Amino acid sequence: DRDDALRMLELLQGRRHQVWTAVCVRNPRGEVFEDAAVAHVEFDRIPDAELTLYLEGSEWADKAGAYGIQGSAGA
């Protein structure tokens, strides 16, 4: 919910964290292919007015950490 999104974003701001992405696929022959990648993400401090504006939208919903780097949080 919005309160939890605010909590998470307040914890992330001014800090660096890792975001992991992984995939595992099995083809019809039973062969398994897997890979993982990590991105290091560093957030600046987020001014209160900007944080409030961000949370008034819905971009934070259904996202781990309440943001998607491909969206406005990338700015």
PDB file of N, CA and C in Angstrom:
ATOM      1  N   ASP A   1       0.823  -1.182   0.000  1.00  0.00           N
ATOM      2  CA  ASP A   1       0.000   0.000   0.000  1.00  0.00           C
ATOM      3  C   ASP A   1       0.874   1.255   0.000  1.00  0.00           C
ATOM      4  N   ARG A   2       0.235   2.391  -0.056  1.00  0.00           N
ATOM      5  CA  ARG A   2       0.966   3.666  -0.154  1.00  0.00           C
ATOM      6  C   ARG A   2       1.890   3.886   1.037  1.00  0.00           C
ATOM      7  N   ASP A   3       1.437   3.557   2.235  1.00  0.00           N
ATOM      8  CA  ASP A   3       2.276   3.753   3.418  1.00  0.00           C
ATOM      9  C   ASP A   3       3.535   2.899   3.367  1.00  0.00           C
ATOM     10  N   ASP A   4       3.396   1.664   2.894  1.00  0.00           N
ATOM     11  CA  ASP A   4       4.562   0.787   2.791  1.00  0.00           C
ATOM     12  C   ASP A   4       5.498   1.268   1.688  1.00  0.00           C
ATOM     13  N   ALA A   5       4.927   1.786   0.593  1.00  0.00           N
ATOM     14  CA  ALA A   5       5.756   2.351  -0.478  1.00  0.00           C
ATOM     15  C   ALA A   5       6.576   3.512   0.053  1.00  0.00           C
ATOM     16  N   LEU A   6       5.963   4.377   0.829  1.00  0.00           N
ATOM     17  CA  LEU A   6       6.669   5.510   1.437  1.00  0.00           C
ATOM     18  C   LEU A   6       7.788   5.005   2.337  1.00  0.00           C
ATOM     19  N   ARG A   7       7.499   4.005   3.159  1.00  0.00           N
ATOM     20  CA  ARG A   7       8.506   3.436   4.063  1.00  0.00           C
ATOM     21  C   ARG A   7       9.702   2.903   3.274  1.00  0.00           C
ATOM     22  N   MET A   8       9.432   2.146   2.220  1.00  0.00           N
ATOM     23  CA  MET A   8      10.517   1.564   1.431  1.00  0.00           C
ATOM     24  C   MET A   8      11.355   2.640   0.749  1.00  0.00           C
ATOM     25  N   LEU A   9      10.703   3.620   0.151  1.00  0.00           N
ATOM     26  CA  LEU A   9      11.438   4.680  -0.543  1.00  0.00           C
ATOM     27  C   LEU A   9      12.261   5.517   0.427  1.00  0.00           C
ATOM     28  N   GLU A  10      11.750   5.739   1.610  1.00  0.00           N
ATOM     29  CA  GLU A  10      12.532   6.464   2.619  1.00  0.00           C
ATOM     30  C   GLU A  10      13.762   5.665   3.031  1.00  0.00           C
ATOM     31  N   LEU A  11      13.643   4.335   3.084  1.00  0.00           N
ATOM     32  CA  LEU A  11      14.797   3.493   3.410  1.00  0.00           C
ATOM     33  C   LEU A  11      15.825   3.475   2.285  1.00  0.00           C
ATOM     34  N   LEU A  12      15.371   3.546   1.040  1.00  0.00           N
ATOM     35  CA  LEU A  12      16.276   3.465  -0.112  1.00  0.00           C
ATOM     36  C   LEU A  12      17.003   4.765  -0.410  1.00  0.00           C
ATOM     37  N   GLN A  13      16.382   5.902  -0.103  1.00  0.00           N
ATOM     38  CA  GLN A  13      16.977   7.174  -0.513  1.00  0.00           C
ATOM     39  C   GLN A  13      18.315   7.420   0.175  1.00  0.00           C
ATOM     40  N   GLY A  14      19.227   7.946  -0.625  1.00  0.00           N
ATOM     41  CA  GLY A  14      20.565   8.237  -0.122  1.00  0.00           C
ATOM     42  C   GLY A  14      21.423   7.004   0.074  1.00  0.00           C
ATOM     43  N   ARG A  15      20.975   5.858  -0.464  1.00  0.00           N
ATOM     44  CA  ARG A  15      21.708   4.605  -0.276  1.00  0.00           C
ATOM     45  C   ARG A  15      21.878   3.877  -1.606  1.00  0.00           C
ATOM     46  N   ARG A  16      22.736   2.884  -1.579  1.00  0.00           N
ATOM     47  CA  ARG A  16      22.968   2.018  -2.731  1.00  0.00           C
ATOM     48  C   ARG A  16      22.432   0.632  -2.395  1.00  0.00           C
ATOM     49  N   HIS A  17      21.800  -0.023  -3.373  1.00  0.00           N
ATOM     50  CA  HIS A  17      21.304  -1.381  -3.166  1.00  0.00           C
ATOM     51  C   HIS A  17      21.433  -2.172  -4.464  1.00  0.00           C
ATOM     52  N   GLN A  18      21.192  -3.458  -4.394  1.00  0.00           N
ATOM     53  CA  GLN A  18      21.293  -4.330  -5.553  1.00  0.00           C
ATOM     54  C   GLN A  18      19.902  -4.769  -5.999  1.00  0.00           C
ATOM     55  N   VAL A  19      19.745  -4.871  -7.309  1.00  0.00           N
ATOM     56  CA  VAL A  19      18.528  -5.416  -7.901  1.00  0.00           C
ATOM     57  C   VAL A  19      18.950  -6.599  -8.765  1.00  0.00           C
ATOM     58  N   TRP A  20      18.425  -7.774  -8.441  1.00  0.00           N
ATOM     59  CA  TRP A  20      18.759  -8.990  -9.171  1.00  0.00           C
ATOM     60  C   TRP A  20      17.647  -9.358 -10.138  1.00  0.00           C
ATOM     61  N   THR A  21      18.034  -9.839 -11.308  1.00  0.00           N
ATOM     62  CA  THR A  21      17.115 -10.362 -12.299  1.00  0.00           C
ATOM     63  C   THR A  21      17.629 -11.734 -12.709  1.00  0.00           C
ATOM     64  N   ALA A  22      16.726 -12.697 -12.791  1.00  0.00           N
ATOM     65  CA  ALA A  22      17.148 -14.057 -13.144  1.00  0.00           C
ATOM     66  C   ALA A  22      16.123 -14.692 -14.069  1.00  0.00           C
ATOM     67  N   VAL A  23      16.610 -15.668 -14.833  1.00  0.00           N
ATOM     68  CA  VAL A  23      15.735 -16.430 -15.721  1.00  0.00           C
ATOM     69  C   VAL A  23      16.208 -17.882 -15.731  1.00  0.00           C
ATOM     70  N   CYS A  24      15.253 -18.782 -15.795  1.00  0.00           N
ATOM     71  CA  CYS A  24      15.555 -20.209 -15.916  1.00  0.00           C
ATOM     72  C   CYS A  24      14.534 -20.796 -16.887  1.00  0.00           C
ATOM     73  N   VAL A  25      15.019 -21.441 -17.957  1.00  0.00           N
ATOM     74  CA  VAL A  25      14.151 -21.966 -19.002  1.00  0.00           C
ATOM     75  C   VAL A  25      14.535 -23.420 -19.277  1.00  0.00           C
ATOM     76  N   ARG A  26      13.510 -24.269 -19.433  1.00  0.00           N
ATOM     77  CA  ARG A  26      13.765 -25.651 -19.838  1.00  0.00           C
ATOM     78  C   ARG A  26      13.110 -25.861 -21.198  1.00  0.00           C
ATOM     79  N   ASN A  27      13.877 -26.355 -22.152  1.00  0.00           N
ATOM     80  CA  ASN A  27      13.324 -26.588 -23.484  1.00  0.00           C
ATOM     81  C   ASN A  27      12.669 -27.975 -23.546  1.00  0.00           C
ATOM     82  N   PRO A  28      12.014 -28.306 -24.659  1.00  0.00           N
ATOM     83  CA  PRO A  28      11.318 -29.595 -24.753  1.00  0.00           C
ATOM     84  C   PRO A  28      12.229 -30.816 -24.596  1.00  0.00           C
ATOM     85  N   ARG A  29      13.525 -30.668 -24.828  1.00  0.00           N
ATOM     86  CA  ARG A  29      14.469 -31.778 -24.648  1.00  0.00           C
ATOM     87  C   ARG A  29      14.906 -31.926 -23.193  1.00  0.00           C
ATOM     88  N   GLY A  30      14.448 -31.023 -22.340  1.00  0.00           N
ATOM     89  CA  GLY A  30      14.803 -31.097 -20.926  1.00  0.00           C
ATOM     90  C   GLY A  30      16.066 -30.339 -20.565  1.00  0.00           C
ATOM     91  N   GLU A  31      16.672 -29.675 -21.531  1.00  0.00           N
ATOM     92  CA  GLU A  31      17.866 -28.892 -21.235  1.00  0.00           C
ATOM     93  C   GLU A  31      17.459 -27.628 -20.476  1.00  0.00           C
ATOM     94  N   VAL A  32      18.261 -27.287 -19.491  1.00  0.00           N
ATOM     95  CA  VAL A  32      17.967 -26.116 -18.667  1.00  0.00           C
ATOM     96  C   VAL A  32      18.995 -25.026 -18.948  1.00  0.00           C
ATOM     97  N   PHE A  33      18.498 -23.826 -19.137  1.00  0.00           N
ATOM     98  CA  PHE A  33      19.344 -22.655 -19.343  1.00  0.00           C
ATOM     99  C   PHE A  33      18.984 -21.638 -18.280  1.00  0.00           C
ATOM    100  N   GLU A  34      19.983 -21.129 -17.615  1.00  0.00           N
ATOM    101  CA  GLU A  34      19.727 -20.163 -16.541  1.00  0.00           C
ATOM    102  C   GLU A  34      20.785 -19.077 -16.543  1.00  0.00           C
ATOM    103  N   ASP A  35      20.375 -17.919 -16.079  1.00  0.00           N
ATOM    104  CA  ASP A  35      21.299 -16.801 -15.994  1.00  0.00           C
ATOM    105  C   ASP A  35      20.757 -15.806 -14.971  1.00  0.00           C
ATOM    106  N   ALA A  36      21.643 -15.015 -14.435  1.00  0.00           N
ATOM    107  CA  ALA A  36      21.262 -13.964 -13.484  1.00  0.00           C
ATOM    108  C   ALA A  36      22.169 -12.765 -13.702  1.00  0.00           C
ATOM    109  N   ALA A  37      21.626 -11.608 -13.389  1.00  0.00           N
ATOM    110  CA  ALA A  37      22.390 -10.365 -13.506  1.00  0.00           C
ATOM    111  C   ALA A  37      22.031  -9.464 -12.342  1.00  0.00           C
ATOM    112  N   VAL A  38      23.000  -8.673 -11.943  1.00  0.00           N
ATOM    113  CA  VAL A  38      22.772  -7.741 -10.837  1.00  0.00           C
ATOM    114  C   VAL A  38      23.034  -6.321 -11.318  1.00  0.00           C
ATOM    115  N   ALA A  39      22.202  -5.407 -10.845  1.00  0.00           N
ATOM    116  CA  ALA A  39      22.409  -3.986 -11.098  1.00  0.00           C
ATOM    117  C   ALA A  39      22.575  -3.298  -9.748  1.00  0.00           C
ATOM    118  N   HIS A  40      23.500  -2.374  -9.680  1.00  0.00           N
ATOM    119  CA  HIS A  40      23.694  -1.585  -8.462  1.00  0.00           C
ATOM    120  C   HIS A  40      22.989  -0.251  -8.665  1.00  0.00           C
ATOM    121  N   VAL A  41      22.050   0.037  -7.783  1.00  0.00           N
ATOM    122  CA  VAL A  41      21.223   1.239  -7.916  1.00  0.00           C
ATOM    123  C   VAL A  41      21.476   2.142  -6.714  1.00  0.00           C
ATOM    124  N   GLU A  42      21.739   3.400  -6.995  1.00  0.00           N
ATOM    125  CA  GLU A  42      21.953   4.363  -5.919  1.00  0.00           C
ATOM    126  C   GLU A  42      20.915   5.471  -6.037  1.00  0.00           C
ATOM    127  N   PHE A  43      20.192   5.687  -4.962  1.00  0.00           N
ATOM    128  CA  PHE A  43      19.184   6.737  -4.916  1.00  0.00           C
ATOM    129  C   PHE A  43      19.778   7.987  -4.290  1.00  0.00           C
ATOM    130  N   ASP A  44      19.477   9.136  -4.858  1.00  0.00           N
ATOM    131  CA  ASP A  44      19.762  10.411  -4.199  1.00  0.00           C
ATOM    132  C   ASP A  44      18.721  10.603  -3.107  1.00  0.00           C
ATOM    133  N   ARG A  45      18.888  11.637  -2.333  1.00  0.00           N
ATOM    134  CA  ARG A  45      17.844  12.052  -1.399  1.00  0.00           C
ATOM    135  C   ARG A  45      16.652  12.515  -2.225  1.00  0.00           C
ATOM    136  N   ILE A  46      15.462  12.204  -1.786  1.00  0.00           N
ATOM    137  CA  ILE A  46      14.249  12.572  -2.514  1.00  0.00           C
ATOM    138  C   ILE A  46      13.555  13.689  -1.743  1.00  0.00           C
ATOM    139  N   PRO A  47      13.437  14.874  -2.339  1.00  0.00           N
ATOM    140  CA  PRO A  47      12.735  15.957  -1.650  1.00  0.00           C
ATOM    141  C   PRO A  47      11.305  15.529  -1.308  1.00  0.00           C
ATOM    142  N   ASP A  48      10.809  15.978  -0.151  1.00  0.00           N
ATOM    143  CA  ASP A  48       9.479  15.580   0.308  1.00  0.00           C
ATOM    144  C   ASP A  48       8.397  15.851  -0.726  1.00  0.00           C
ATOM    145  N   ALA A  49       8.440  17.009  -1.364  1.00  0.00           N
ATOM    146  CA  ALA A  49       7.413  17.362  -2.354  1.00  0.00           C
ATOM    147  C   ALA A  49       7.446  16.398  -3.542  1.00  0.00           C
ATOM    148  N   GLU A  50       8.636  16.009  -3.965  1.00  0.00           N
ATOM    149  CA  GLU A  50       8.780  15.082  -5.084  1.00  0.00           C
ATOM    150  C   GLU A  50       8.288  13.688  -4.703  1.00  0.00           C
ATOM    151  N   LEU A  51       8.599  13.262  -3.496  1.00  0.00           N
ATOM    152  CA  LEU A  51       8.147  11.966  -2.999  1.00  0.00           C
ATOM    153  C   LEU A  51       6.619  11.924  -2.899  1.00  0.00           C
ATOM    154  N   THR A  52       6.029  12.986  -2.399  1.00  0.00           N
ATOM    155  CA  THR A  52       4.570  13.070  -2.297  1.00  0.00           C
ATOM    156  C   THR A  52       3.935  12.998  -3.681  1.00  0.00           C
ATOM    157  N   LEU A  53       4.478  13.728  -4.635  1.00  0.00           N
ATOM    158  CA  LEU A  53       3.959  13.717  -5.998  1.00  0.00           C
ATOM    159  C   LEU A  53       4.061  12.317  -6.608  1.00  0.00           C
ATOM    160  N   TYR A  54       5.175  11.657  -6.417  1.00  0.00           N
ATOM    161  CA  TYR A  54       5.372  10.297  -6.929  1.00  0.00           C
ATOM    162  C   TYR A  54       4.334   9.342  -6.347  1.00  0.00           C
ATOM    163  N   LEU A  55       4.090   9.440  -5.053  1.00  0.00           N
ATOM    164  CA  LEU A  55       3.147   8.541  -4.383  1.00  0.00           C
ATOM    165  C   LEU A  55       1.695   8.853  -4.720  1.00  0.00           C
ATOM    166  N   GLU A  56       1.408  10.039  -5.220  1.00  0.00           N
ATOM    167  CA  GLU A  56       0.045  10.370  -5.651  1.00  0.00           C
ATOM    168  C   GLU A  56      -0.324   9.614  -6.922  1.00  0.00           C
ATOM    169  N   GLY A  57       0.663   9.204  -7.691  1.00  0.00           N
ATOM    170  CA  GLY A  57       0.426   8.390  -8.883  1.00  0.00           C
ATOM    171  C   GLY A  57       0.346   6.924  -8.489  1.00  0.00           C
ATOM    172  N   SER A  58       0.370   6.052  -9.473  1.00  0.00           N
ATOM    173  CA  SER A  58       0.266   4.615  -9.184  1.00  0.00           C
ATOM    174  C   SER A  58       1.491   3.833  -9.653  1.00  0.00           C
ATOM    175  N   GLU A  59       2.516   4.537 -10.096  1.00  0.00           N
ATOM    176  CA  GLU A  59       3.700   3.859 -10.625  1.00  0.00           C
ATOM    177  C   GLU A  59       4.362   2.941  -9.590  1.00  0.00           C
ATOM    178  N   TRP A  60       4.266   3.273  -8.331  1.00  0.00           N
ATOM    179  CA  TRP A  60       4.900   2.515  -7.260  1.00  0.00           C
ATOM    180  C   TRP A  60       4.187   1.188  -6.984  1.00  0.00           C
ATOM    181  N   ALA A  61       2.938   1.068  -7.384  1.00  0.00           N
ATOM    182  CA  ALA A  61       2.134  -0.111  -7.041  1.00  0.00           C
ATOM    183  C   ALA A  61       2.675  -1.370  -7.712  1.00  0.00           C
ATOM    184  N   ASP A  62       2.640  -2.474  -7.000  1.00  0.00           N
ATOM    185  CA  ASP A  62       3.031  -3.791  -7.522  1.00  0.00           C
ATOM    186  C   ASP A  62       4.489  -3.867  -7.958  1.00  0.00           C
ATOM    187  N   LYS A  63       5.341  -3.083  -7.323  1.00  0.00           N
ATOM    188  CA  LYS A  63       6.762  -3.110  -7.655  1.00  0.00           C
ATOM    189  C   LYS A  63       7.580  -3.369  -6.391  1.00  0.00           C
ATOM    190  N   ALA A  64       8.548  -4.262  -6.504  1.00  0.00           N
ATOM    191  CA  ALA A  64       9.463  -4.493  -5.393  1.00  0.00           C
ATOM    192  C   ALA A  64      10.217  -3.200  -5.127  1.00  0.00           C
ATOM    193  N   GLY A  65      10.223  -2.753  -3.901  1.00  0.00           N
ATOM    194  CA  GLY A  65      10.906  -1.508  -3.562  1.00  0.00           C
ATOM    195  C   GLY A  65      10.106  -0.278  -3.905  1.00  0.00           C
ATOM    196  N   ALA A  66       8.917  -0.442  -4.454  1.00  0.00           N
ATOM    197  CA  ALA A  66       8.000   0.658  -4.780  1.00  0.00           C
ATOM    198  C   ALA A  66       8.494   1.547  -5.912  1.00  0.00           C
ATOM    199  N   TYR A  67       9.373   1.012  -6.774  1.00  0.00           N
ATOM    200  CA  TYR A  67       9.818   1.794  -7.921  1.00  0.00           C
ATOM    201  C   TYR A  67      10.234   0.874  -9.045  1.00  0.00           C
ATOM    202  N   GLY A  68      10.208   1.393 -10.251  1.00  0.00           N
ATOM    203  CA  GLY A  68      10.782   0.744 -11.416  1.00  0.00           C
ATOM    204  C   GLY A  68      11.769   1.724 -12.025  1.00  0.00           C
ATOM    205  N   ILE A  69      12.989   1.300 -12.198  1.00  0.00           N
ATOM    206  CA  ILE A  69      14.031   2.212 -12.673  1.00  0.00           C
ATOM    207  C   ILE A  69      13.729   2.715 -14.083  1.00  0.00           C
ATOM    208  N   GLN A  70      12.917   1.962 -14.826  1.00  0.00           N
ATOM    209  CA  GLN A  70      12.563   2.377 -16.176  1.00  0.00           C
ATOM    210  C   GLN A  70      11.510   3.472 -16.170  1.00  0.00           C
ATOM    211  N   GLY A  71      10.910   3.771 -15.025  1.00  0.00           N
ATOM    212  CA  GLY A  71       9.881   4.794 -14.919  1.00  0.00           C
ATOM    213  C   GLY A  71      10.454   6.106 -14.410  1.00  0.00           C
ATOM    214  N   SER A  72       9.606   6.904 -13.808  1.00  0.00           N
ATOM    215  CA  SER A  72      10.036   8.225 -13.347  1.00  0.00           C
ATOM    216  C   SER A  72      11.044   8.147 -12.206  1.00  0.00           C
ATOM    217  N   ALA A  73      11.091   7.026 -11.494  1.00  0.00           N
ATOM    218  CA  ALA A  73      12.092   6.876 -10.421  1.00  0.00           C
ATOM    219  C   ALA A  73      13.512   6.865 -10.990  1.00  0.00           C
ATOM    220  N   GLY A  74      13.653   6.560 -12.263  1.00  0.00           N
ATOM    221  CA  GLY A  74      14.961   6.576 -12.907  1.00  0.00           C
ATOM    222  C   GLY A  74      15.583   7.961 -12.967  1.00  0.00           C
ATOM    223  N   ALA A  75      14.748   8.964 -12.846  1.00  0.00           N
ATOM    224  CA  ALA A  75      15.259  10.340 -12.888  1.00  0.00           C
ATOM    225  C   ALA A  75      16.005  10.632 -11.610  1.00  0.00           C
TER     226      ALA A  75
END
